[in-house]
Amino acid sequence: MAEGNQTIMEKAEARFVDKQKKTAEKNKATAEYMSEARAREIKTARLRELRLAKEEADRVAEALNPTPKKKRVTKKATEAKT
């Protein structure tokens, strides 16, 4: 009878150790996922700031140096050239 109790205890101990390992792996995976997500958020925010700064600089440059509008070619103008 003592041997039966010993094997039951060993099995319970093994299940407990397995559960602890799985929990540790789960926590590690969750931490990695969260750190990657945070890094992605930081990168996205930085790129958004750069894009907005570039768009603003482009608007200022366009306001200071407007590009001349191209003349539309009319049907009469093309007929006159030929």
N, C-alpha and C. Protein backbone atom coordinates (compact mmCIF):
# COMPACT_ATOMS: atom_id res chain seq x y z
N MET A 1 0.81 -1.18 0.00
CA MET A 1 0.00 0.00 0.00
C MET A 1 0.86 1.26 0.00
N ALA A 2 1.99 1.21 0.66
CA ALA A 2 2.87 2.36 0.71
C ALA A 2 3.45 2.65 -0.65
N GLU A 3 3.68 1.61 -1.44
CA GLU A 3 4.20 1.82 -2.80
C GLU A 3 3.17 2.51 -3.68
N GLY A 4 1.92 2.17 -3.52
CA GLY A 4 0.85 2.81 -4.29
C GLY A 4 0.77 4.29 -3.99
N ASN A 5 0.89 4.65 -2.73
CA ASN A 5 0.88 6.06 -2.35
C ASN A 5 2.10 6.79 -2.89
N GLN A 6 3.23 6.09 -2.93
CA GLN A 6 4.48 6.69 -3.42
C GLN A 6 4.35 7.02 -4.91
N THR A 7 3.80 6.10 -5.69
CA THR A 7 3.66 6.36 -7.12
C THR A 7 2.64 7.47 -7.37
N ILE A 8 1.60 7.52 -6.59
CA ILE A 8 0.61 8.58 -6.73
C ILE A 8 1.26 9.93 -6.44
N MET A 9 2.06 9.99 -5.41
CA MET A 9 2.76 11.23 -5.07
C MET A 9 3.75 11.62 -6.16
N GLU A 10 4.45 10.64 -6.73
CA GLU A 10 5.39 10.92 -7.81
C GLU A 10 4.67 11.45 -9.03
N LYS A 11 3.54 10.86 -9.37
CA LYS A 11 2.75 11.33 -10.51
C LYS A 11 2.23 12.74 -10.27
N ALA A 12 1.76 12.99 -9.06
CA ALA A 12 1.26 14.32 -8.73
C ALA A 12 2.39 15.35 -8.81
N GLU A 13 3.55 14.96 -8.30
CA GLU A 13 4.71 15.85 -8.35
C GLU A 13 5.09 16.14 -9.80
N ALA A 14 5.08 15.11 -10.65
CA ALA A 14 5.43 15.29 -12.06
C ALA A 14 4.43 16.22 -12.75
N ARG A 15 3.13 16.04 -12.45
CA ARG A 15 2.12 16.92 -13.05
C ARG A 15 2.31 18.36 -12.58
N PHE A 16 2.64 18.52 -11.32
CA PHE A 16 2.87 19.85 -10.77
C PHE A 16 4.06 20.53 -11.45
N VAL A 17 5.15 19.79 -11.64
CA VAL A 17 6.34 20.33 -12.29
C VAL A 17 6.02 20.70 -13.74
N ASP A 18 5.27 19.83 -14.43
CA ASP A 18 4.88 20.13 -15.81
C ASP A 18 4.03 21.40 -15.88
N LYS A 19 3.11 21.51 -14.95
CA LYS A 19 2.24 22.69 -14.94
C LYS A 19 3.05 23.96 -14.69
N GLN A 20 4.03 23.88 -13.80
CA GLN A 20 4.89 25.03 -13.53
C GLN A 20 5.69 25.41 -14.77
N LYS A 21 6.22 24.41 -15.48
CA LYS A 21 6.99 24.68 -16.70
C LYS A 21 6.12 25.35 -17.75
N LYS A 22 4.91 24.82 -17.93
CA LYS A 22 4.01 25.40 -18.93
C LYS A 22 3.63 26.83 -18.56
N THR A 23 3.41 27.07 -17.29
CA THR A 23 3.08 28.42 -16.85
C THR A 23 4.25 29.37 -17.10
N ALA A 24 5.46 28.91 -16.82
CA ALA A 24 6.63 29.74 -17.04
C ALA A 24 6.80 30.04 -18.53
N GLU A 25 6.60 29.04 -19.39
CA GLU A 25 6.70 29.24 -20.84
C GLU A 25 5.63 30.22 -21.32
N LYS A 26 4.42 30.07 -20.79
CA LYS A 26 3.32 30.97 -21.17
C LYS A 26 3.65 32.40 -20.77
N ASN A 27 4.15 32.58 -19.56
CA ASN A 27 4.50 33.93 -19.10
C ASN A 27 5.62 34.53 -19.95
N LYS A 28 6.59 33.71 -20.33
CA LYS A 28 7.69 34.19 -21.17
C LYS A 28 7.18 34.61 -22.54
N ALA A 29 6.32 33.77 -23.13
CA ALA A 29 5.77 34.08 -24.44
C ALA A 29 4.92 35.36 -24.39
N THR A 30 4.15 35.51 -23.34
CA THR A 30 3.32 36.71 -23.19
C THR A 30 4.19 37.95 -23.06
N ALA A 31 5.26 37.84 -22.28
CA ALA A 31 6.16 38.98 -22.11
C ALA A 31 6.82 39.35 -23.44
N GLU A 32 7.23 38.36 -24.22
CA GLU A 32 7.84 38.63 -25.53
C GLU A 32 6.84 39.31 -26.45
N TYR A 33 5.60 38.80 -26.46
CA TYR A 33 4.56 39.38 -27.31
C TYR A 33 4.30 40.84 -26.92
N MET A 34 4.21 41.09 -25.63
CA MET A 34 3.94 42.44 -25.17
C MET A 34 5.09 43.38 -25.50
N SER A 35 6.33 42.92 -25.36
CA SER A 35 7.46 43.78 -25.67
C SER A 35 7.53 44.07 -27.17
N GLU A 36 7.22 43.08 -27.99
CA GLU A 36 7.20 43.31 -29.44
C GLU A 36 6.09 44.28 -29.82
N ALA A 37 4.94 44.14 -29.18
CA ALA A 37 3.83 45.05 -29.47
C ALA A 37 4.19 46.47 -29.07
N ARG A 38 4.83 46.62 -27.92
CA ARG A 38 5.23 47.96 -27.46
C ARG A 38 6.27 48.57 -28.40
N ALA A 39 7.22 47.74 -28.85
CA ALA A 39 8.23 48.23 -29.78
C ALA A 39 7.58 48.66 -31.09
N ARG A 40 6.58 47.91 -31.56
CA ARG A 40 5.87 48.26 -32.78
C ARG A 40 5.12 49.57 -32.62
N GLU A 41 4.50 49.78 -31.45
CA GLU A 41 3.79 51.03 -31.19
C GLU A 41 4.74 52.22 -31.18
N ILE A 42 5.91 52.05 -30.58
CA ILE A 42 6.90 53.12 -30.53
C ILE A 42 7.39 53.45 -31.93
N LYS A 43 7.67 52.42 -32.72
CA LYS A 43 8.15 52.64 -34.08
C LYS A 43 7.08 53.34 -34.93
N THR A 44 5.84 52.90 -34.79
CA THR A 44 4.75 53.50 -35.54
C THR A 44 4.58 54.97 -35.18
N ALA A 45 4.66 55.29 -33.90
CA ALA A 45 4.54 56.68 -33.46
C ALA A 45 5.68 57.52 -34.02
N ARG A 46 6.89 56.98 -34.01
CA ARG A 46 8.04 57.73 -34.53
C ARG A 46 7.88 57.97 -36.02
N LEU A 47 7.47 56.94 -36.76
CA LEU A 47 7.28 57.11 -38.20
C LEU A 47 6.15 58.10 -38.50
N ARG A 48 5.10 58.08 -37.70
CA ARG A 48 4.00 59.02 -37.89
C ARG A 48 4.48 60.46 -37.68
N GLU A 49 5.28 60.67 -36.64
CA GLU A 49 5.83 62.00 -36.39
C GLU A 49 6.71 62.46 -37.55
N LEU A 50 7.54 61.56 -38.07
CA LEU A 50 8.39 61.92 -39.21
C LEU A 50 7.56 62.26 -40.44
N ARG A 51 6.51 61.47 -40.68
CA ARG A 51 5.65 61.72 -41.84
C ARG A 51 4.95 63.06 -41.71
N LEU A 52 4.41 63.34 -40.54
CA LEU A 52 3.71 64.61 -40.35
C LEU A 52 4.66 65.79 -40.47
N ALA A 53 5.87 65.65 -39.96
CA ALA A 53 6.86 66.73 -40.08
C ALA A 53 7.22 66.96 -41.54
N LYS A 54 7.38 65.88 -42.30
CA LYS A 54 7.70 66.01 -43.73
C LYS A 54 6.55 66.66 -44.48
N GLU A 55 5.32 66.24 -44.19
CA GLU A 55 4.17 66.84 -44.86
C GLU A 55 4.07 68.34 -44.55
N GLU A 56 4.34 68.70 -43.31
CA GLU A 56 4.30 70.12 -42.94
C GLU A 56 5.41 70.89 -43.66
N ALA A 57 6.60 70.31 -43.74
CA ALA A 57 7.70 70.96 -44.45
C ALA A 57 7.37 71.10 -45.93
N ASP A 58 6.73 70.11 -46.51
CA ASP A 58 6.34 70.19 -47.91
C ASP A 58 5.30 71.30 -48.12
N ARG A 59 4.35 71.42 -47.17
CA ARG A 59 3.34 72.48 -47.29
C ARG A 59 3.99 73.85 -47.20
N VAL A 60 4.94 74.01 -46.29
CA VAL A 60 5.62 75.30 -46.15
C VAL A 60 6.43 75.61 -47.40
N ALA A 61 7.13 74.62 -47.93
CA ALA A 61 7.92 74.83 -49.14
C ALA A 61 7.02 75.17 -50.32
N GLU A 62 5.88 74.54 -50.41
CA GLU A 62 4.94 74.84 -51.49
C GLU A 62 4.39 76.26 -51.34
N ALA A 63 4.14 76.68 -50.12
CA ALA A 63 3.62 78.03 -49.90
C ALA A 63 4.68 79.08 -50.25
N LEU A 64 5.94 78.79 -49.96
CA LEU A 64 7.00 79.74 -50.26
C LEU A 64 7.38 79.76 -51.74
N ASN A 65 7.34 78.61 -52.39
CA ASN A 65 7.71 78.50 -53.80
C ASN A 65 6.62 77.77 -54.57
N PRO A 66 5.56 78.46 -54.91
CA PRO A 66 4.49 77.77 -55.63
C PRO A 66 4.96 77.35 -57.02
N THR A 67 4.57 76.18 -57.42
CA THR A 67 4.95 75.70 -58.75
C THR A 67 4.04 76.35 -59.77
N PRO A 68 4.61 76.78 -60.89
CA PRO A 68 3.77 77.41 -61.91
C PRO A 68 2.82 76.37 -62.50
N LYS A 69 1.61 76.81 -62.72
CA LYS A 69 0.63 75.90 -63.30
C LYS A 69 0.90 75.73 -64.78
N LYS A 70 0.76 74.51 -65.23
CA LYS A 70 0.98 74.22 -66.65
C LYS A 70 -0.22 74.72 -67.45
N LYS A 71 0.09 75.22 -68.61
CA LYS A 71 -0.97 75.67 -69.48
C LYS A 71 -1.62 74.46 -70.13
N ARG A 72 -2.91 74.50 -70.18
CA ARG A 72 -3.63 73.41 -70.82
C ARG A 72 -3.55 73.58 -72.33
N VAL A 73 -3.33 72.51 -72.98
CA VAL A 73 -3.26 72.54 -74.44
C VAL A 73 -4.67 72.37 -74.96
N THR A 74 -5.10 73.40 -75.73
CA THR A 74 -6.45 73.35 -76.27
C THR A 74 -6.43 72.74 -77.66
N LYS A 75 -7.56 72.41 -78.13
CA LYS A 75 -7.69 71.80 -79.44
C LYS A 75 -7.25 72.78 -80.53
N LYS A 76 -7.57 74.05 -80.35
CA LYS A 76 -7.18 75.05 -81.33
C LYS A 76 -5.67 75.21 -81.39
N ALA A 77 -5.01 75.16 -80.25
CA ALA A 77 -3.56 75.32 -80.22
C ALA A 77 -2.87 74.16 -80.94
N THR A 78 -3.38 72.97 -80.78
CA THR A 78 -2.77 71.81 -81.44
C THR A 78 -3.03 71.87 -82.94
N GLU A 79 -4.19 72.36 -83.35
CA GLU A 79 -4.48 72.47 -84.78
C GLU A 79 -3.60 73.55 -85.43
N ALA A 80 -3.31 74.60 -84.72
CA ALA A 80 -2.51 75.69 -85.25
C ALA A 80 -1.07 75.24 -85.46
N LYS A 81 -0.58 74.35 -84.63
CA LYS A 81 0.80 73.88 -84.76
C LYS A 81 0.95 72.96 -85.97
N THR A 82 -0.08 72.28 -86.35
CA THR A 82 0.03 71.35 -87.48
C THR A 82 -0.29 71.91 -88.79
